[in-house]
C-alpha atoms as a PDB file:
ATOM      1  CA  MET A   1     -61.443 -15.302 -18.774  1.00  0.00           C
ATOM      2  CA  ARG A   2     -62.145 -11.582 -18.399  1.00  0.00           C
ATOM      3  CA  ARG A   3     -58.865 -10.789 -16.649  1.00  0.00           C
ATOM      4  CA  PRO A   4     -56.599 -12.120 -19.463  1.00  0.00           C
ATOM      5  CA  VAL A   5     -58.701 -10.257 -22.010  1.00  0.00           C
ATOM      6  CA  LEU A   6     -58.389  -7.005 -20.078  1.00  0.00           C
ATOM      7  CA  VAL A   7     -54.637  -7.451 -19.673  1.00  0.00           C
ATOM      8  CA  LEU A   8     -54.237  -8.145 -23.392  1.00  0.00           C
ATOM      9  CA  ALA A   9     -56.275  -5.071 -24.262  1.00  0.00           C
ATOM     10  CA  LEU A  10     -54.138  -2.914 -22.016  1.00  0.00           C
ATOM     11  CA  VAL A  11     -50.932  -4.247 -23.597  1.00  0.00           C
ATOM     12  CA  VAL A  12     -52.277  -3.572 -27.096  1.00  0.00           C
ATOM     13  CA  LEU A  13     -53.232  -0.045 -26.050  1.00  0.00           C
ATOM     14  CA  MET A  14     -49.747   0.659 -24.666  1.00  0.00           C
ATOM     15  CA  VAL A  15     -48.004  -0.750 -27.754  1.00  0.00           C
ATOM     16  CA  THR A  16     -50.281   1.241 -30.039  1.00  0.00           C
ATOM     17  CA  ALA A  17     -49.612   4.417 -28.100  1.00  0.00           C
ATOM     18  CA  GLY A  18     -45.878   3.795 -28.186  1.00  0.00           C
ATOM     19  CA  CYS A  19     -45.922   3.301 -31.970  1.00  0.00           C
ATOM     20  CA  ARG A  20     -47.689   6.556 -32.729  1.00  0.00           C
ATOM     21  CA  ARG A  21     -45.780   9.195 -34.546  1.00  0.00           C
ATOM     22  CA  PRO A  22     -44.380  11.960 -32.335  1.00  0.00           C
ATOM     23  CA  THR A  23     -46.836  14.771 -31.827  1.00  0.00           C
ATOM     24  CA  THR A  24     -45.880  18.337 -32.624  1.00  0.00           C
ATOM     25  CA  PRO A  25     -43.523  19.287 -29.811  1.00  0.00           C
ATOM     26  CA  HIS A  26     -44.703  21.556 -27.051  1.00  0.00           C
ATOM     27  CA  SER A  27     -42.008  24.113 -26.352  1.00  0.00           C
ATOM     28  CA  VAL A  28     -41.222  27.272 -24.463  1.00  0.00           C
ATOM     29  CA  HIS A  29     -38.578  29.792 -25.474  1.00  0.00           C
ATOM     30  CA  GLU A  30     -38.643  33.026 -23.544  1.00  0.00           C
ATOM     31  CA  THR A  31     -36.180  35.579 -22.197  1.00  0.00           C
ATOM     32  CA  HIS A  32     -36.556  37.675 -19.053  1.00  0.00           C
ATOM     33  CA  THR A  33     -34.431  40.562 -17.770  1.00  0.00           C
ATOM     34  CA  PHE A  34     -34.073  41.825 -14.213  1.00  0.00           C
ATOM     35  CA  PRO A  35     -32.255  44.770 -12.610  1.00  0.00           C
ATOM     36  CA  VAL A  36     -28.768  44.445 -11.129  1.00  0.00           C
ATOM     37  CA  ALA A  37     -27.669  45.569  -7.669  1.00  0.00           C
ATOM     38  CA  PRO A  38     -24.325  45.081  -5.875  1.00  0.00           C
ATOM     39  CA  GLY A  39     -24.405  41.852  -3.885  1.00  0.00           C
ATOM     40  CA  LYS A  40     -27.771  40.784  -5.310  1.00  0.00           C
ATOM     41  CA  LEU A  41     -28.361  37.048  -4.898  1.00  0.00           C
ATOM     42  CA  VAL A  42     -29.412  34.964  -7.907  1.00  0.00           C
ATOM     43  CA  ARG A  43     -30.875  31.722  -6.539  1.00  0.00           C
ATOM     44  CA  ILE A  44     -31.902  28.934  -8.950  1.00  0.00           C
ATOM     45  CA  GLU A  45     -33.983  25.845  -8.083  1.00  0.00           C
ATOM     46  CA  ALA A  46     -34.036  23.807 -11.300  1.00  0.00           C
ATOM     47  CA  ARG A  47     -34.695  20.102 -10.528  1.00  0.00           C
ATOM     48  CA  SER A  48     -34.120  18.250 -13.838  1.00  0.00           C
ATOM     49  CA  LEU A  49     -33.273  21.296 -15.969  1.00  0.00           C
ATOM     50  CA  ASP A  50     -29.678  21.994 -17.000  1.00  0.00           C
ATOM     51  CA  VAL A  51     -28.332  25.346 -15.853  1.00  0.00           C
ATOM     52  CA  GLN A  52     -25.762  27.369 -17.817  1.00  0.00           C
ATOM     53  CA  VAL A  53     -24.429  30.560 -16.240  1.00  0.00           C
ATOM     54  CA  LYS A  54     -22.217  33.092 -18.010  1.00  0.00           C
ATOM     55  CA  VAL A  55     -20.606  35.748 -15.852  1.00  0.00           C
ATOM     56  CA  ALA A  56     -20.231  38.990 -17.834  1.00  0.00           C
ATOM     57  CA  GLU A  57     -20.501  42.723 -17.382  1.00  0.00           C
ATOM     58  CA  ALA A  58     -24.075  43.698 -18.209  1.00  0.00           C
ATOM     59  CA  SER A  59     -26.702  46.222 -17.168  1.00  0.00           C
ATOM     60  CA  THR A  60     -29.255  43.486 -16.398  1.00  0.00           C
ATOM     61  CA  ILE A  61     -29.549  39.865 -15.300  1.00  0.00           C
ATOM     62  CA  THR A  62     -30.822  37.842 -18.263  1.00  0.00           C
ATOM     63  CA  VAL A  63     -32.583  34.479 -18.003  1.00  0.00           C
ATOM     64  CA  THR A  64     -33.497  32.447 -21.092  1.00  0.00           C
ATOM     65  CA  VAL A  65     -35.819  29.447 -20.718  1.00  0.00           C
ATOM     66  CA  ASP A  66     -35.724  26.648 -23.313  1.00  0.00           C
ATOM     67  CA  LEU A  67     -38.121  23.712 -22.848  1.00  0.00           C
ATOM     68  CA  GLU A  68     -39.354  21.096 -25.307  1.00  0.00           C
ATOM     69  CA  ALA A  69     -41.496  17.995 -24.804  1.00  0.00           C
ATOM     70  CA  ARG A  70     -42.539  15.315 -27.295  1.00  0.00           C
ATOM     71  CA  ALA A  71     -44.995  12.644 -26.213  1.00  0.00           C
ATOM     72  CA  SER A  72     -47.452  10.131 -27.593  1.00  0.00           C
ATOM     73  CA  SER A  73     -49.995  12.048 -25.539  1.00  0.00           C
ATOM     74  CA  ARG A  74     -50.406  15.738 -26.284  1.00  0.00           C
ATOM     75  CA  GLY A  75     -51.712  16.257 -22.774  1.00  0.00           C
ATOM     76  CA  ALA A  76     -48.643  14.654 -21.200  1.00  0.00           C
ATOM     77  CA  ALA A  77     -46.303  16.941 -23.135  1.00  0.00           C
ATOM     78  CA  GLN A  78     -48.309  19.970 -22.106  1.00  0.00           C
ATOM     79  CA  ARG A  79     -48.335  18.910 -18.449  1.00  0.00           C
ATOM     80  CA  TRP A  80     -44.556  18.468 -18.464  1.00  0.00           C
ATOM     81  CA  ILE A  81     -44.144  21.971 -19.858  1.00  0.00           C
ATOM     82  CA  GLU A  82     -46.470  23.369 -17.185  1.00  0.00           C
ATOM     83  CA  HIS A  83     -44.660  21.511 -14.376  1.00  0.00           C
ATOM     84  CA  ASN A  84     -41.217  22.684 -15.507  1.00  0.00           C
ATOM     85  CA  THR A  85     -41.720  26.278 -16.651  1.00  0.00           C
ATOM     86  CA  PRO A  86     -39.955  28.341 -13.975  1.00  0.00           C
ATOM     87  CA  ALA A  87     -41.441  31.205 -12.030  1.00  0.00           C
ATOM     88  CA  PHE A  88     -39.565  34.392 -11.084  1.00  0.00           C
ATOM     89  CA  ASP A  89     -39.623  36.303  -7.818  1.00  0.00           C
ATOM     90  CA  ASP A  90     -37.524  39.450  -8.013  1.00  0.00           C
ATOM     91  CA  SER A  91     -36.653  41.972  -5.316  1.00  0.00           C
ATOM     92  CA  PRO A  92     -33.841  44.530  -4.911  1.00  0.00           C
ATOM     93  CA  SER A  93     -31.772  41.998  -2.943  1.00  0.00           C
ATOM     94  CA  ALA A  94     -32.570  38.667  -4.634  1.00  0.00           C
ATOM     95  CA  LEU A  95     -33.832  37.010  -7.811  1.00  0.00           C
ATOM     96  CA  GLU A  96     -35.482  33.629  -7.188  1.00  0.00           C
ATOM     97  CA  VAL A  97     -35.856  31.310 -10.208  1.00  0.00           C
ATOM     98  CA  SER A  98     -37.793  28.158  -9.333  1.00  0.00           C
ATOM     99  CA  GLN A  99     -40.011  25.477 -10.823  1.00  0.00           C
ATOM    100  CA  PRO A 100     -43.572  24.954  -9.541  1.00  0.00           C
ATOM    101  CA  LYS A 101     -43.605  23.303  -6.129  1.00  0.00           C
ATOM    102  CA  GLY A 102     -45.547  20.104  -5.529  1.00  0.00           C
ATOM    103  CA  ALA A 103     -45.504  19.037  -9.186  1.00  0.00           C
ATOM    104  CA  ARG A 104     -45.927  15.275  -9.391  1.00  0.00           C
ATOM    105  CA  GLY A 105     -44.532  12.785 -11.863  1.00  0.00           C
ATOM    106  CA  ILE A 106     -46.364  12.413 -15.159  1.00  0.00           C
ATOM    107  CA  LEU A 107     -47.878   9.019 -16.041  1.00  0.00           C
ATOM    108  CA  VAL A 108     -47.571   8.344 -19.767  1.00  0.00           C
ATOM    109  CA  PHE A 109     -48.691   5.367 -21.861  1.00  0.00           C
ATOM    110  CA  GLY A 110     -46.219   5.462 -24.703  1.00  0.00           C
ATOM    111  CA  PHE A 111     -43.261   7.846 -24.683  1.00  0.00           C
ATOM    112  CA  LEU A 112     -42.229  11.210 -23.330  1.00  0.00           C
ATOM    113  CA  HIS A 113     -39.002  12.845 -24.525  1.00  0.00           C
ATOM    114  CA  THR A 114     -38.023  16.140 -22.909  1.00  0.00           C
ATOM    115  CA  THR A 115     -35.193  18.674 -22.914  1.00  0.00           C
ATOM    116  CA  GLY A 116     -34.882  21.739 -20.771  1.00  0.00           C
ATOM    117  CA  LYS A 117     -32.301  24.320 -19.778  1.00  0.00           C
ATOM    118  CA  LEU A 118     -31.902  27.717 -18.206  1.00  0.00           C
ATOM    119  CA  VAL A 119     -29.267  30.051 -19.651  1.00  0.00           C
ATOM    120  CA  LEU A 120     -28.327  33.033 -17.515  1.00  0.00           C
ATOM    121  CA  THR A 121     -26.070  36.043 -17.921  1.00  0.00           C
ATOM    122  CA  VAL A 122     -25.106  37.320 -14.474  1.00  0.00           C
ATOM    123  CA  PRO A 123     -22.915  40.405 -13.822  1.00  0.00           C
ATOM    124  CA  PRO A 124     -19.922  39.957 -11.466  1.00  0.00           C
ATOM    125  CA  ALA A 125     -21.516  42.240  -8.865  1.00  0.00           C
ATOM    126  CA  CYS A 126     -24.064  39.495  -8.076  1.00  0.00           C
ATOM    127  CA  ARG A 127     -23.936  36.338  -5.970  1.00  0.00           C
ATOM    128  CA  LEU A 128     -25.035  32.893  -7.178  1.00  0.00           C
ATOM    129  CA  GLU A 129     -26.649  29.775  -5.712  1.00  0.00           C
ATOM    130  CA  VAL A 130     -27.802  26.821  -7.847  1.00  0.00           C
ATOM    131  CA  ARG A 131     -29.687  23.696  -6.805  1.00  0.00           C
ATOM    132  CA  THR A 132     -30.703  20.873  -9.170  1.00  0.00           C
ATOM    133  CA  ALA A 133     -31.731  17.211  -8.918  1.00  0.00           C
ATOM    134  CA  SER A 134     -30.546  15.570 -12.162  1.00  0.00           C
ATOM    135  CA  GLY A 135     -29.712  18.705 -14.106  1.00  0.00           C
ATOM    136  CA  ASP A 136     -26.106  19.577 -14.994  1.00  0.00           C
ATOM    137  CA  VAL A 137     -24.615  22.930 -13.977  1.00  0.00           C
ATOM    138  CA  THR A 138     -22.083  24.887 -16.071  1.00  0.00           C
ATOM    139  CA  ILE A 139     -20.540  28.176 -14.933  1.00  0.00           C
ATOM    140  CA  GLY A 140     -18.071  30.251 -16.918  1.00  0.00           C
ATOM    141  CA  GLY A 141     -17.175  33.623 -18.299  1.00  0.00           C
ATOM    142  CA  GLU A 142     -15.694  36.726 -16.761  1.00  0.00           C
ATOM    143  CA  GLY A 143     -15.650  37.318 -13.081  1.00  0.00           C
ATOM    144  CA  PRO A 144     -15.373  36.574 -10.380  1.00  0.00           C
ATOM    145  CA  LEU A 145     -18.827  36.783  -8.843  1.00  0.00           C
ATOM    146  CA  ALA A 146     -19.254  38.483  -5.484  1.00  0.00           C
ATOM    147  CA  GLY A 147     -19.145  36.001  -2.608  1.00  0.00           C
ATOM    148  CA  PRO A 148     -18.875  32.199  -2.751  1.00  0.00           C
ATOM    149  CA  VAL A 149     -20.621  30.399  -5.619  1.00  0.00           C
ATOM    150  CA  ARG A 150     -22.751  27.591  -4.134  1.00  0.00           C
ATOM    151  CA  VAL A 151     -23.931  24.582  -6.188  1.00  0.00           C
ATOM    152  CA  ASN A 152     -25.945  21.616  -4.908  1.00  0.00           C
ATOM    153  CA  THR A 153     -26.961  18.692  -7.158  1.00  0.00           C
ATOM    154  CA  SER A 154     -28.050  15.058  -6.785  1.00  0.00           C
ATOM    155  CA  SER A 155     -26.926  13.280  -9.953  1.00  0.00           C
ATOM    156  CA  GLY A 156     -26.054  16.301 -12.056  1.00  0.00           C
ATOM    157  CA  ASP A 157     -22.470  17.113 -13.053  1.00  0.00           C
ATOM    158  CA  VAL A 158     -20.865  20.459 -12.221  1.00  0.00           C
ATOM    159  CA  ARG A 159     -18.366  22.155 -14.539  1.00  0.00           C
ATOM    160  CA  VAL A 160     -16.782  25.512 -13.753  1.00  0.00           C
ATOM    161  CA  THR A 161     -14.496  27.263 -16.253  1.00  0.00           C
ATOM    162  CA  GLY A 162     -14.510  30.735 -14.713  1.00  0.00           C
ATOM    163  CA  GLY A 163     -16.678  33.290 -12.951  1.00  0.00           C
ATOM    164  CA  ALA A 164     -15.914  32.186  -9.384  1.00  0.00           C
ATOM    165  CA  ARG A 165     -13.390  33.172  -6.726  1.00  0.00           C
ATOM    166  CA  GLU A 166     -14.750  30.794  -4.083  1.00  0.00           C
ATOM    167  CA  LEU A 167     -16.639  27.617  -4.997  1.00  0.00           C
ATOM    168  CA  ILE A 168     -18.700  25.390  -2.691  1.00  0.00           C
ATOM    169  CA  VAL A 169     -20.163  22.270  -4.350  1.00  0.00           C
ATOM    170  CA  LYS A 170     -22.171  19.374  -2.967  1.00  0.00           C
ATOM    171  CA  THR A 171     -23.276  16.429  -5.145  1.00  0.00           C
ATOM    172  CA  SER A 172     -24.348  12.802  -4.749  1.00  0.00           C
ATOM    173  CA  SER A 173     -23.243  10.981  -7.894  1.00  0.00           C
ATOM    174  CA  GLY A 174     -22.323  13.950 -10.046  1.00  0.00           C
ATOM    175  CA  ASP A 175     -18.743  14.756 -11.060  1.00  0.00           C
ATOM    176  CA  VAL A 176     -17.114  18.116 -10.315  1.00  0.00           C
ATOM    177  CA  ARG A 177     -14.571  19.594 -12.765  1.00  0.00           C
ATOM    178  CA  VAL A 178     -12.999  23.026 -12.307  1.00  0.00           C
ATOM    179  CA  SER A 179     -10.699  24.691 -14.848  1.00  0.00           C
ATOM    180  CA  GLY A 180      -9.831  28.218 -15.922  1.00  0.00           C
ATOM    181  CA  PRO A 181      -8.456  30.936 -13.612  1.00  0.00           C
ATOM    182  CA  PRO A 182      -7.237  29.847 -10.157  1.00  0.00           C
ATOM    183  CA  LEU A 183      -9.605  30.132  -7.212  1.00  0.00           C
ATOM    184  CA  SER A 184      -8.984  31.173  -3.626  1.00  0.00           C
ATOM    185  CA  VAL A 185     -11.056  28.347  -2.086  1.00  0.00           C
ATOM    186  CA  VAL A 186     -12.671  25.171  -3.434  1.00  0.00           C
ATOM    187  CA  GLU A 187     -14.911  23.030  -1.231  1.00  0.00           C
ATOM    188  CA  ALA A 188     -16.356  19.856  -2.788  1.00  0.00           C
ATOM    189  CA  ASP A 189     -18.475  17.188  -1.091  1.00  0.00           C
ATOM    190  CA  THR A 190     -19.506  14.172  -3.207  1.00  0.00           C
ATOM    191  CA  SER A 191     -20.631  10.554  -2.729  1.00  0.00           C
ATOM    192  CA  SER A 192     -19.585   8.652  -5.846  1.00  0.00           C
ATOM    193  CA  GLY A 193     -18.623  11.588  -8.027  1.00  0.00           C
ATOM    194  CA  ASP A 194     -15.047  12.497  -8.974  1.00  0.00           C
ATOM    195  CA  VAL A 195     -13.522  15.874  -8.131  1.00  0.00           C
ATOM    196  CA  ILE A 196     -11.050  17.259 -10.685  1.00  0.00           C
ATOM    197  CA  LEU A 197      -9.471  20.652 -10.016  1.00  0.00           C
ATOM    198  CA  GLU A 198      -7.281  21.756 -12.918  1.00  0.00           C
ATOM    199  CA  SER A 199      -7.317  25.510 -12.381  1.00  0.00           C
ATOM    200  CA  GLY A 200      -5.446  25.591  -9.105  1.00  0.00           C
ATOM    201  CA  ALA A 201      -6.485  27.119  -5.803  1.00  0.00           C
ATOM    202  CA  ALA A 202      -5.038  28.616  -2.646  1.00  0.00           C
ATOM    203  CA  LYS A 203      -7.012  26.115  -0.557  1.00  0.00           C
ATOM    204  CA  ALA A 204      -8.916  22.883  -1.311  1.00  0.00           C
ATOM    205  CA  LEU A 205     -11.280  20.924   0.942  1.00  0.00           C
ATOM    206  CA  VAL A 206     -12.622  17.704  -0.588  1.00  0.00           C
ATOM    207  CA  ASP A 207     -14.778  14.948   0.918  1.00  0.00           C
ATOM    208  CA  THR A 208     -15.808  11.924  -1.191  1.00  0.00           C
ATOM    209  CA  SER A 209     -16.932   8.320  -0.708  1.00  0.00           C
ATOM    210  CA  SER A 210     -15.912   6.374  -3.807  1.00  0.00           C
ATOM    211  CA  GLY A 211     -14.972   9.289  -6.016  1.00  0.00           C
ATOM    212  CA  ASP A 212     -11.392  10.095  -7.028  1.00  0.00           C
ATOM    213  CA  VAL A 213      -9.724  13.410  -6.180  1.00  0.00           C
ATOM    214  CA  LYS A 214      -7.340  15.016  -8.688  1.00  0.00           C
ATOM    215  CA  VAL A 215      -5.972  18.474  -7.891  1.00  0.00           C
ATOM    216  CA  ARG A 216      -3.382  20.449  -9.844  1.00  0.00           C
ATOM    217  CA  LYS A 217      -1.596  23.773  -9.234  1.00  0.00           C
ATOM    218  CA  LEU A 218      -2.505  23.996  -5.559  1.00  0.00           C
ATOM    219  CA  THR A 219      -0.656  26.692  -3.592  1.00  0.00           C
ATOM    220  CA  GLY A 220      -1.906  26.183  -0.025  1.00  0.00           C
ATOM    221  CA  ASP A 221      -3.851  23.981   2.378  1.00  0.00           C
ATOM    222  CA  LEU A 222      -5.357  20.615   1.450  1.00  0.00           C
ATOM    223  CA  MET A 223      -7.972  18.674   3.426  1.00  0.00           C
ATOM    224  CA  ALA A 224      -9.100  15.483   1.630  1.00  0.00           C
ATOM    225  CA  ASP A 225     -11.172  12.572   2.966  1.00  0.00           C
ATOM    226  CA  THR A 226     -12.166   9.550   0.846  1.00  0.00           C
ATOM    227  CA  SER A 227     -13.328   5.954   1.341  1.00  0.00           C
ATOM    228  CA  SER A 228     -12.288   4.037  -1.760  1.00  0.00           C
ATOM    229  CA  GLY A 229     -11.297   6.927  -3.997  1.00  0.00           C
ATOM    230  CA  ASP A 230      -7.704   7.763  -4.961  1.00  0.00           C
ATOM    231  CA  VAL A 231      -6.158  11.139  -4.105  1.00  0.00           C
ATOM    232  CA  SER A 232      -3.671  12.762  -6.492  1.00  0.00           C
ATOM    233  CA  VAL A 233      -2.525  16.321  -5.705  1.00  0.00           C
ATOM    234  CA  GLY A 234       0.240  18.566  -7.022  1.00  0.00           C
ATOM    235  CA  TRP A 235       1.453  21.956  -5.746  1.00  0.00           C
ATOM    236  CA  ASP A 236       2.979  24.798  -7.759  1.00  0.00           C
ATOM    237  CA  HIS A 237       4.422  26.263  -4.574  1.00  0.00           C
ATOM    238  CA  LEU A 238       3.702  25.819  -0.886  1.00  0.00           C
ATOM    239  CA  ALA A 239       4.369  28.377   1.843  1.00  0.00           C
ATOM    240  CA  SER A 240       5.610  27.483   5.312  1.00  0.00           C
ATOM    241  CA  GLY A 241       2.811  26.989   7.812  1.00  0.00           C
ATOM    242  CA  ALA A 242       0.471  25.355   5.290  1.00  0.00           C
ATOM    243  CA  LYS A 243      -1.466  22.252   6.318  1.00  0.00           C
ATOM    244  CA  ILE A 244      -1.940  18.976   4.427  1.00  0.00           C
ATOM    245  CA  ARG A 245      -4.344  16.354   5.743  1.00  0.00           C
ATOM    246  CA  VAL A 246      -5.400  13.311   3.707  1.00  0.00           C
ATOM    247  CA  ARG A 247      -7.358  10.322   5.002  1.00  0.00           C
ATOM    248  CA  THR A 248      -8.443   7.335   2.906  1.00  0.00           C
ATOM    249  CA  ALA A 249      -9.609   3.758   3.454  1.00  0.00           C
ATOM    250  CA  SER A 250      -8.673   1.729   0.359  1.00  0.00           C
ATOM    251  CA  GLY A 251      -7.674   4.612  -1.885  1.00  0.00           C
ATOM    252  CA  ASP A 252      -4.086   5.412  -2.885  1.00  0.00           C
ATOM    253  CA  VAL A 253      -2.524   8.792  -2.115  1.00  0.00           C
ATOM    254  CA  GLY A 254      -0.029  10.551  -4.369  1.00  0.00           C
ATOM    255  CA  LEU A 255       1.295  13.991  -3.380  1.00  0.00           C
ATOM    256  CA  ARG A 256       3.765  16.027  -5.465  1.00  0.00           C
ATOM    257  CA  LEU A 257       5.403  18.747  -3.376  1.00  0.00           C
ATOM    258  CA  PRO A 258       7.907  21.429  -4.397  1.00  0.00           C
ATOM    259  CA  GLU A 259      11.513  20.378  -3.823  1.00  0.00           C
ATOM    260  CA  GLY A 260      12.885  21.597  -0.500  1.00  0.00           C
ATOM    261  CA  THR A 261       9.479  21.790   1.206  1.00  0.00           C
ATOM    262  CA  PRO A 262      10.070  21.492   4.995  1.00  0.00           C
ATOM    263  CA  LEU A 263       7.715  18.886   6.467  1.00  0.00           C
ATOM    264  CA  ARG A 264       6.570  18.080   9.977  1.00  0.00           C
ATOM    265  CA  GLY A 265       4.117  15.318  10.836  1.00  0.00           C
ATOM    266  CA  GLU A 266       3.729  11.775   9.543  1.00  0.00           C
ATOM    267  CA  VAL A 267       2.455   9.455   6.842  1.00  0.00           C
ATOM    268  CA  SER A 268       0.957   6.167   8.076  1.00  0.00           C
ATOM    269  CA  THR A 269      -0.845   3.170   6.612  1.00  0.00           C
ATOM    270  CA  THR A 270      -2.179  -0.132   7.934  1.00  0.00           C
ATOM    271  CA  THR A 271      -1.310  -2.535   5.106  1.00  0.00           C
ATOM    272  CA  GLY A 272      -0.307  -0.172   2.318  1.00  0.00           C
ATOM    273  CA  ARG A 273       3.169   0.837   1.140  1.00  0.00           C
ATOM    274  CA  ILE A 274       4.870   4.197   1.755  1.00  0.00           C
ATOM    275  CA  THR A 275       7.407   5.757  -0.629  1.00  0.00           C
ATOM    276  CA  SER A 276       8.906   9.226  -0.290  1.00  0.00           C
ATOM    277  CA  ASP A 277      11.407  11.535  -2.008  1.00  0.00           C
ATOM    278  CA  PHE A 278      11.564  13.505   1.255  1.00  0.00           C
ATOM    279  CA  SER A 279      13.787  12.303   4.089  1.00  0.00           C
ATOM    280  CA  GLY A 280      12.121  11.213   7.294  1.00  0.00           C
ATOM    281  CA  SER A 281      12.245   8.669  10.094  1.00  0.00           C
ATOM    282  CA  SER A 282      10.856   5.366   8.789  1.00  0.00           C
ATOM    283  CA  ASP A 283       9.255   2.643  10.919  1.00  0.00           C
ATOM    284  CA  ARG A 284       8.537  -0.216   8.524  1.00  0.00           C
ATOM    285  CA  ARG A 285       6.992  -2.405  11.202  1.00  0.00           C
ATOM    286  CA  GLU A 286       4.446   0.267  12.057  1.00  0.00           C
ATOM    287  CA  HIS A 287       4.076   1.387   8.416  1.00  0.00           C
ATOM    288  CA  ARG A 288       4.916   4.952   9.403  1.00  0.00           C
ATOM    289  CA  LEU A 289       7.116   7.747   8.050  1.00  0.00           C
ATOM    290  CA  SER A 290       7.707  10.719  10.375  1.00  0.00           C
ATOM    291  CA  PHE A 291       9.041  14.203   9.663  1.00  0.00           C
ATOM    292  CA  ALA A 292      10.513  16.249  12.491  1.00  0.00           C
ATOM    293  CA  GLY A 293      10.523  19.663  10.901  1.00  0.00           C
ATOM    294  CA  SER A 294      10.304  22.925  12.824  1.00  0.00           C
ATOM    295  CA  GLY A 295       7.100  24.756  13.675  1.00  0.00           C
ATOM    296  CA  GLU A 296       7.479  26.821  10.510  1.00  0.00           C
ATOM    297  CA  GLY A 297       7.359  23.762   8.281  1.00  0.00           C
ATOM    298  CA  VAL A 298       4.416  22.421   6.325  1.00  0.00           C
ATOM    299  CA  GLU A 299       2.237  20.314   8.608  1.00  0.00           C
ATOM    300  CA  ILE A 300       1.411  16.947   7.005  1.00  0.00           C
ATOM    301  CA  GLU A 301      -0.884  14.114   8.094  1.00  0.00           C
ATOM    302  CA  VAL A 302      -1.590  11.260   5.678  1.00  0.00           C
ATOM    303  CA  ARG A 303      -3.457   8.179   6.861  1.00  0.00           C
ATOM    304  CA  THR A 304      -4.568   5.217   4.763  1.00  0.00           C
ATOM    305  CA  THR A 305      -5.851   1.748   5.573  1.00  0.00           C
ATOM    306  CA  SER A 306      -4.991  -0.485   2.622  1.00  0.00           C
ATOM    307  CA  GLY A 307      -4.007   2.245   0.211  1.00  0.00           C
ATOM    308  CA  ASP A 308      -0.454   3.145  -0.769  1.00  0.00           C
ATOM    309  CA  ALA A 309       1.016   6.582  -0.025  1.00  0.00           C
ATOM    310  CA  ALA A 310       3.677   8.318  -2.131  1.00  0.00           C
ATOM    311  CA  LEU A 311       5.394  11.694  -1.649  1.00  0.00           C
ATOM    312  CA  GLN A 312       7.229  12.979  -4.693  1.00  0.00           C
ATOM    313  CA  LYS A 313       9.216  16.098  -5.540  1.00  0.00           C
ATOM    314  CA  SER A 314       7.589  18.121  -8.272  1.00  0.00           C
ATOM    315  CA  SER A 315       9.816  19.375 -11.045  1.00  0.00           C
END
C-alpha cells in the first residue's frame, strides 16, 4: 500500500503548491547603450522573448530588457530570470545580444507565469538580424536600415511597419505581415504561417506550405510557391520584362494585373478552373491558357493542381 500513499502525497503537494498565492515577482528592467558605426550589425538571439525594434536617428544603440516571472516557487522564478537575462558582446563591427546558452527547461510544481521582451532603438546606419523561437518580432520606425533585415522565428509572428528596404523572413508557424513604406525586396519562407504584404514591393519571393499569400501594390517580379495555401496578388504597375511564377497544389490563385499588360507564357491546372480578363489561346481539354506575347512582354507561369486560377484587370 506504500505506492498509493506516495502517489496521493505527491498529488496533494502539487495541488497545495498550485494554490499558493503568487510570490512577489522577480523582475529585471535595465537599459544598455552601445556606440554606433556605419554598417554595424545588431544580431539578436532571443528564444522566447518578444523583440521590438524601432529604427530612428540616434547617437547610440539602445537596448531595454524587461523580464518578469511569478511562480509558486521563488527559486523557479529566479532561475527563469537567470536563464533569460541576455548577455551583450559589443565590438566596433557588431553588437551580439543573446540569452545564456545551454539553459535547460525549468521544472515547477505549481505555476510559473513569465513575460519578457527586448526593446531596441537602432539607427538607420546599422544592419539587423533577429532570431527567436516562440517570441514575436516587431520592426518599425524611420529608415531604412542598411542592408537586408533578416528575421528567423519558429512559432513567433513577424510584423514590419517600417525601417526596412529589403526584408528576408523565415518562420515555421508564425505569420508575416508587412505594411508601411514600400520595400525593394521581400523574401518570406513559412510552413503554416500566412504572408500578408500590404506595403508593396518591387519584388516578392514567397514560399509556404499551408499558409496563404496576400500581396498588394506590387510593382515587379513575383515568385510564389504554396501547397494548400491560396495566392492573391495585385500590382500597381508592371514593367515589360517582369516575371510572374506561381505554383500551388490545392490552393487557388488570383492575380490582378494592370489593364493592357502584355503577357507571354501560360496558365495551367490539372482539375481546377481558369478564368481570365486577358485574351489568350485556350485549351479546355488540357486546362491551359497560353499567351503568345513578344519577348518584351511580362513572362507568366501559373501552375495549379486542383486549385482555380483567375487573371483579372486591376482598376
